[in-house]
Amino acid sequence: MSDFISSGWSVYISVIVIGGLLACLGLLIIASRRRVMANDNTTGHVWDVDLRELNNPLPRWWMGLFVLTVVFGGIYLALYPGLGSFAGGLNWTSAGQYQKEQDKAMTELSKVYASYAAQPAEELAKDPKAMAIGERLFANNCSGCHGSDAKGSKGFPNLTDNDWLYGGSPEKIVETITNGRNGVMPPMAAAVGNAEDVKNVANYVLSLSNSPHNSIAAQLGKPKFAACAACHGADGKGNQAIGAPNLTDNIWLYGWGEQAIITRINNGANNLMPAQSKRLSPEQIHVVGAYVWSLSHHGEAPVAASN
């Protein structure tokens, strides 16, 4: 309720809530003072010839529950948020409760991760129990982009091969998970030349990995590739320091073929991997980093231990 753009909304909601409670009390008082009607104690309504509606008072147990409900509502609103922007006497918030539960869970989990924290990734990769935990962490936090099998998709890197944009050592993987990455390739069409030059450069890029290409166009595009060499290198093998892909290994993040490369040269790319340091503890990142490292060094993670 703290995001109201005007204090008027807070007052409006408070009036409705308090008015509702008072209306319930008023209805209860009116009902309790209602006297039994004279004569035959009916309301005068008759159905099916002889079915008459009686006007008996409310049962006392029902009245008691009604009163307790209204009292409970008043106490709740005094202690917890519910009256507009009023925070309540306990200053409770859902975010605070969530954080409290997270902190408690992390305290308990720290005992589990303590034995893994000092082990290098190469050793953790041999521990089925550690890899089972890493697999669950990956499924919960990474599979949305990289897939449950970690093989990625168009625009999302495959983590099971040996092609790494920023380096595949355990330390680099942990750095990537912790801080995230923002890979940017600016549109390069203007730097390369005209549309024909862009097409020629695309064919030259295909030639670097011995992919099917137009050899004449590739030769014409080679000099124009100089505009791309600042990031990808003169030999096209990329630069892991800035996340520039290797163009000679026939692994394509955004799709293979002349048209796919032309599109990338014309439009550029902006790939963002969010940092996970606010979602995972350093110990958790260490374990999931070892799991990711194991995927490209053992073909697959060790078989998880049975529960």
Protein backbone atom coordinates (compact mmCIF):
# COMPACT_ATOMS: atom_id res chain seq x y z
CA MET A 1 0.00 0.00 0.00
CA SER A 2 3.05 2.27 0.15
CA ASP A 3 3.02 2.97 -3.59
CA PHE A 4 -0.09 5.18 -3.62
CA ILE A 5 0.45 8.18 -5.87
CA SER A 6 -1.82 10.30 -3.69
CA SER A 7 -2.70 10.29 0.02
CA GLY A 8 -6.35 10.57 -1.03
CA TRP A 9 -6.40 6.91 -2.08
CA SER A 10 -5.16 5.88 1.35
CA VAL A 11 -7.92 7.86 3.04
CA TYR A 12 -10.50 6.49 0.59
CA ILE A 13 -9.60 2.87 1.35
CA SER A 14 -9.42 3.52 5.11
CA VAL A 15 -12.90 5.05 5.08
CA ILE A 16 -14.33 2.06 3.19
CA VAL A 17 -12.72 -0.49 5.53
CA ILE A 18 -13.68 1.27 8.77
CA GLY A 19 -17.13 2.07 7.39
CA GLY A 20 -17.64 -1.60 6.59
CA LEU A 21 -16.79 -2.64 10.15
CA LEU A 22 -19.07 0.01 11.62
CA ALA A 23 -21.88 -1.04 9.26
CA CYS A 24 -21.52 -4.63 10.48
CA LEU A 25 -21.76 -3.47 14.09
CA GLY A 26 -24.77 -1.30 13.27
CA LEU A 27 -26.52 -4.20 11.58
CA LEU A 28 -25.80 -6.37 14.60
CA ILE A 29 -27.23 -3.81 17.02
CA ILE A 30 -30.36 -3.33 14.92
CA ALA A 31 -30.90 -7.05 14.66
CA SER A 32 -30.41 -7.57 18.40
CA ARG A 33 -33.03 -4.92 19.28
CA ARG A 34 -35.61 -6.26 16.88
CA ARG A 35 -38.66 -7.35 18.88
CA VAL A 36 -40.69 -10.43 18.17
CA MET A 37 -43.69 -9.51 16.10
CA ALA A 38 -47.12 -9.78 17.67
CA ASN A 39 -49.81 -12.30 16.85
CA ASP A 40 -48.32 -15.42 15.21
CA ASN A 41 -44.68 -14.15 15.02
CA THR A 42 -44.56 -14.31 11.22
CA THR A 43 -43.41 -11.78 8.64
CA GLY A 44 -46.62 -12.16 6.64
CA HIS A 45 -44.90 -14.04 3.80
CA VAL A 46 -46.65 -17.26 2.79
CA TRP A 47 -45.54 -19.90 0.26
CA ASP A 48 -47.32 -22.97 -1.03
CA VAL A 49 -50.53 -22.08 0.78
CA ASP A 50 -49.37 -22.78 4.34
CA LEU A 51 -45.60 -22.19 4.57
CA ARG A 52 -45.07 -19.05 6.70
CA GLU A 53 -41.79 -17.22 7.38
CA LEU A 54 -41.15 -16.78 11.11
CA ASN A 55 -39.40 -13.76 12.57
CA ASN A 56 -37.28 -15.34 15.33
CA PRO A 57 -34.26 -13.50 16.80
CA LEU A 58 -30.73 -14.49 15.74
CA PRO A 59 -29.20 -17.35 17.77
CA ARG A 60 -26.84 -16.16 20.51
CA TRP A 61 -23.95 -18.30 19.24
CA TRP A 62 -24.30 -16.67 15.83
CA MET A 63 -24.37 -13.22 17.42
CA GLY A 64 -21.26 -14.10 19.43
CA LEU A 65 -19.35 -15.22 16.34
CA PHE A 66 -20.41 -12.05 14.53
CA VAL A 67 -19.04 -9.89 17.35
CA LEU A 68 -15.79 -11.87 17.49
CA THR A 69 -15.36 -11.49 13.73
CA VAL A 70 -15.72 -7.71 13.90
CA VAL A 71 -13.40 -7.49 16.91
CA PHE A 72 -10.82 -9.69 15.17
CA GLY A 73 -11.03 -7.45 12.08
CA GLY A 74 -10.38 -4.36 14.20
CA ILE A 75 -7.39 -5.91 15.97
CA TYR A 76 -5.96 -7.16 12.69
CA LEU A 77 -6.18 -3.72 11.10
CA ALA A 78 -4.46 -2.20 14.14
CA LEU A 79 -1.52 -4.63 13.91
CA TYR A 80 -1.17 -5.32 10.17
CA PRO A 81 -1.39 -3.18 7.01
CA GLY A 82 -4.91 -2.81 5.67
CA LEU A 83 -5.89 0.81 6.24
CA GLY A 84 -4.42 2.48 3.20
CA SER A 85 -0.78 3.40 3.80
CA PHE A 86 -0.94 2.66 7.54
CA ALA A 87 1.80 0.09 8.21
CA GLY A 88 0.21 -1.43 11.30
CA GLY A 89 1.56 -1.67 14.82
CA LEU A 90 3.83 -4.64 14.01
CA ASN A 91 5.27 -3.02 10.85
CA TRP A 92 4.77 -6.33 9.05
CA THR A 93 5.34 -6.55 5.28
CA SER A 94 5.20 -9.47 2.90
CA ALA A 95 8.69 -8.56 1.64
CA GLY A 96 10.02 -8.57 5.19
CA GLN A 97 8.39 -11.92 5.91
CA TYR A 98 9.83 -13.37 2.72
CA GLN A 99 13.31 -12.12 3.57
CA LYS A 100 13.03 -13.50 7.07
CA GLU A 101 12.12 -16.93 5.72
CA GLN A 102 14.92 -16.73 3.16
CA ASP A 103 17.46 -15.85 5.84
CA LYS A 104 16.27 -18.75 7.98
CA ALA A 105 16.50 -21.13 5.04
CA MET A 106 19.99 -19.88 4.15
CA THR A 107 21.13 -20.38 7.73
CA GLU A 108 20.00 -23.99 7.57
CA LEU A 109 21.45 -24.51 4.10
CA SER A 110 24.80 -23.02 5.06
CA LYS A 111 25.45 -26.19 7.06
CA VAL A 112 24.96 -28.24 3.88
CA TYR A 113 27.19 -26.03 1.73
CA ALA A 114 29.94 -25.63 4.34
CA SER A 115 31.62 -28.86 3.29
CA TYR A 116 31.55 -27.84 -0.38
CA ALA A 117 32.81 -24.28 -0.05
CA ALA A 118 36.50 -25.18 0.27
CA GLN A 119 36.50 -27.83 -2.46
CA PRO A 120 37.60 -26.86 -5.99
CA ALA A 121 35.13 -27.34 -8.82
CA GLU A 122 37.11 -30.26 -10.20
CA GLU A 123 36.58 -32.17 -6.94
CA LEU A 124 32.93 -31.18 -6.57
CA ALA A 125 32.26 -32.47 -10.10
CA LYS A 126 33.14 -35.95 -8.83
CA ASP A 127 30.69 -35.75 -5.91
CA PRO A 128 27.26 -37.07 -6.98
CA LYS A 129 25.52 -35.46 -4.00
CA ALA A 130 27.03 -32.04 -4.74
CA MET A 131 26.14 -32.36 -8.41
CA ALA A 132 22.56 -33.31 -7.51
CA ILE A 133 22.30 -30.05 -5.55
CA GLY A 134 23.93 -28.13 -8.41
CA GLU A 135 21.49 -29.66 -10.88
CA ARG A 136 18.51 -28.50 -8.77
CA LEU A 137 19.96 -25.01 -8.45
CA PHE A 138 20.48 -24.90 -12.20
CA ALA A 139 16.94 -26.11 -12.89
CA ASN A 140 15.46 -23.46 -10.60
CA ASN A 141 17.58 -20.50 -11.68
CA CYS A 142 19.20 -21.11 -15.07
CA SER A 143 17.08 -23.53 -17.10
CA GLY A 144 14.58 -20.83 -18.07
CA CYS A 145 17.15 -19.50 -20.56
CA HIS A 146 19.66 -22.31 -21.07
CA GLY A 147 17.12 -25.14 -21.04
CA SER A 148 16.77 -28.05 -18.64
CA ASP A 149 19.51 -29.88 -20.58
CA ALA A 150 21.74 -26.74 -20.56
CA LYS A 151 22.04 -26.89 -24.34
CA GLY A 152 20.57 -23.43 -24.81
CA SER A 153 18.70 -22.20 -27.85
CA LYS A 154 18.89 -19.34 -30.33
CA GLY A 155 20.41 -16.40 -28.45
CA PHE A 156 21.15 -18.50 -25.34
CA PRO A 157 24.54 -20.25 -25.15
CA ASN A 158 24.97 -24.00 -25.02
CA LEU A 159 26.76 -24.83 -21.75
CA THR A 160 27.57 -28.43 -22.63
CA ASP A 161 30.19 -27.74 -25.31
CA ASN A 162 33.63 -26.17 -25.07
CA ASP A 163 32.72 -22.89 -26.73
CA TRP A 164 32.81 -20.11 -24.11
CA LEU A 165 32.21 -16.43 -24.75
CA TYR A 166 33.94 -15.27 -21.56
CA GLY A 167 36.00 -18.33 -20.65
CA GLY A 168 35.09 -21.76 -19.34
CA SER A 169 37.32 -22.08 -16.29
CA PRO A 170 35.54 -22.64 -12.96
CA GLU A 171 36.58 -19.16 -11.85
CA LYS A 172 35.16 -17.51 -14.97
CA ILE A 173 31.94 -19.46 -14.72
CA VAL A 174 31.49 -18.37 -11.10
CA GLU A 175 32.28 -14.79 -12.12
CA THR A 176 29.66 -14.95 -14.87
CA ILE A 177 26.99 -16.38 -12.58
CA THR A 178 27.77 -13.89 -9.82
CA ASN A 179 27.97 -10.67 -11.83
CA GLY A 180 26.02 -11.53 -14.96
CA ARG A 181 27.06 -10.52 -18.47
CA ASN A 182 25.93 -7.93 -20.98
CA GLY A 183 27.21 -8.80 -24.42
CA VAL A 184 26.72 -6.01 -26.94
CA MET A 185 27.48 -6.07 -30.64
CA PRO A 186 26.68 -2.72 -32.28
CA PRO A 187 25.16 -2.60 -35.79
CA MET A 188 28.15 -2.71 -38.13
CA ALA A 189 26.58 -2.19 -41.57
CA ALA A 190 27.68 1.45 -41.79
CA ALA A 191 31.26 0.55 -40.84
CA VAL A 192 31.42 -2.33 -43.30
CA GLY A 193 30.04 -0.42 -46.29
CA ASN A 194 27.02 -0.94 -48.51
CA ALA A 195 24.65 -3.89 -48.67
CA GLU A 196 26.91 -5.75 -51.10
CA ASP A 197 29.85 -5.33 -48.74
CA VAL A 198 27.78 -6.70 -45.87
CA LYS A 199 26.92 -9.76 -47.96
CA ASN A 200 30.58 -10.26 -48.85
CA VAL A 201 31.64 -10.02 -45.21
CA ALA A 202 28.96 -12.57 -44.27
CA ASN A 203 30.46 -14.99 -46.78
CA TYR A 204 33.95 -14.32 -45.46
CA VAL A 205 32.74 -15.10 -41.93
CA LEU A 206 31.26 -18.37 -43.21
CA SER A 207 34.60 -19.20 -44.83
CA LEU A 208 36.39 -18.88 -41.49
CA SER A 209 34.64 -22.05 -40.27
CA ASN A 210 34.76 -23.80 -43.64
CA SER A 211 30.99 -23.49 -43.91
CA PRO A 212 29.36 -23.44 -47.37
CA HIS A 213 29.92 -19.99 -48.87
CA ASN A 214 30.54 -18.02 -52.01
CA SER A 215 34.34 -18.01 -52.32
CA ILE A 216 34.47 -14.96 -54.61
CA ALA A 217 32.26 -12.94 -52.25
CA ALA A 218 34.37 -14.13 -49.32
CA GLN A 219 37.56 -12.82 -50.94
CA LEU A 220 35.89 -9.46 -51.55
CA GLY A 221 34.65 -9.38 -47.95
CA LYS A 222 38.00 -10.16 -46.33
CA PRO A 223 39.31 -6.55 -46.44
CA LYS A 224 35.96 -5.27 -45.12
CA PHE A 225 36.20 -7.64 -42.17
CA ALA A 226 38.76 -5.22 -40.72
CA ALA A 227 35.78 -3.32 -39.25
CA CYS A 228 34.96 -6.44 -37.19
CA ALA A 229 38.52 -7.41 -36.27
CA ALA A 230 38.68 -5.00 -33.34
CA CYS A 231 36.42 -7.37 -31.38
CA HIS A 232 36.63 -10.71 -33.17
CA GLY A 233 40.33 -10.47 -33.97
CA ALA A 234 42.06 -10.44 -37.33
CA ASP A 235 41.82 -14.23 -37.42
CA GLY A 236 38.16 -14.22 -36.34
CA LYS A 237 38.84 -16.30 -33.23
CA GLY A 238 37.13 -13.84 -30.91
CA ASN A 239 38.14 -12.29 -27.62
CA GLN A 240 36.96 -13.78 -24.35
CA ALA A 241 37.98 -10.64 -22.45
CA ILE A 242 35.00 -8.82 -24.01
CA GLY A 243 32.82 -11.82 -24.88
CA ALA A 244 33.38 -11.58 -28.64
CA PRO A 245 32.48 -14.96 -30.20
CA ASN A 246 34.91 -17.20 -32.05
CA LEU A 247 33.79 -17.16 -35.70
CA THR A 248 35.97 -20.09 -36.78
CA ASP A 249 34.39 -22.94 -34.82
CA ASN A 250 31.09 -23.29 -36.68
CA ILE A 251 29.06 -22.68 -33.52
CA TRP A 252 26.38 -20.05 -34.07
CA LEU A 253 24.51 -18.35 -31.25
CA TYR A 254 21.96 -16.61 -33.49
CA GLY A 255 21.67 -19.11 -36.30
CA TRP A 256 23.81 -20.27 -39.21
CA GLY A 257 23.86 -19.07 -42.81
CA GLU A 258 24.43 -16.01 -44.91
CA GLN A 259 21.15 -14.31 -44.06
CA ALA A 260 21.55 -14.88 -40.32
CA ILE A 261 25.00 -13.26 -40.37
CA ILE A 262 23.78 -10.37 -42.54
CA THR A 263 20.99 -9.73 -40.03
CA ARG A 264 23.47 -9.69 -37.16
CA ILE A 265 25.80 -7.27 -38.99
CA ASN A 266 22.89 -4.96 -39.82
CA ASN A 267 21.10 -5.07 -36.47
CA GLY A 268 23.77 -5.95 -33.94
CA ALA A 269 22.85 -7.81 -30.75
CA ASN A 270 22.41 -7.18 -27.05
CA ASN A 271 22.48 -10.25 -24.84
CA LEU A 272 21.89 -9.82 -21.11
CA MET A 273 22.46 -12.45 -18.46
CA PRO A 274 21.27 -11.12 -15.09
CA ALA A 275 23.53 -11.37 -12.07
CA GLN A 276 22.58 -14.16 -9.68
CA SER A 277 24.37 -12.80 -6.60
CA LYS A 278 21.10 -11.53 -5.12
CA ARG A 279 19.34 -14.85 -5.65
CA LEU A 280 22.08 -17.27 -4.67
CA SER A 281 24.68 -17.26 -1.92
CA PRO A 282 28.39 -17.50 -2.81
CA GLU A 283 28.35 -21.12 -1.65
CA GLN A 284 25.40 -21.94 -3.90
CA ILE A 285 27.06 -20.21 -6.85
CA HIS A 286 30.21 -22.25 -6.19
CA VAL A 287 28.21 -25.50 -6.39
CA VAL A 288 26.14 -24.57 -9.46
CA GLY A 289 29.33 -23.24 -11.11
CA ALA A 290 30.97 -26.63 -10.57
CA TYR A 291 27.90 -28.29 -12.05
CA VAL A 292 28.02 -26.09 -15.16
CA TRP A 293 31.76 -26.74 -15.50
CA SER A 294 31.15 -30.50 -15.27
CA LEU A 295 28.69 -30.41 -18.17
CA SER A 296 31.42 -29.59 -20.68
CA HIS A 297 34.20 -31.64 -19.07
CA HIS A 298 32.46 -34.94 -18.43
CA GLY A 299 29.81 -35.01 -21.13
CA GLU A 300 27.20 -35.03 -18.39
CA ALA A 301 27.05 -34.50 -14.66
CA PRO A 302 27.72 -37.54 -12.41
CA VAL A 303 24.65 -39.59 -11.61
CA ALA A 304 22.88 -38.04 -8.65
CA ALA A 305 22.76 -39.95 -5.40
CA SER A 306 19.38 -41.44 -4.64
CA ASN A 307 17.41 -39.91 -1.80
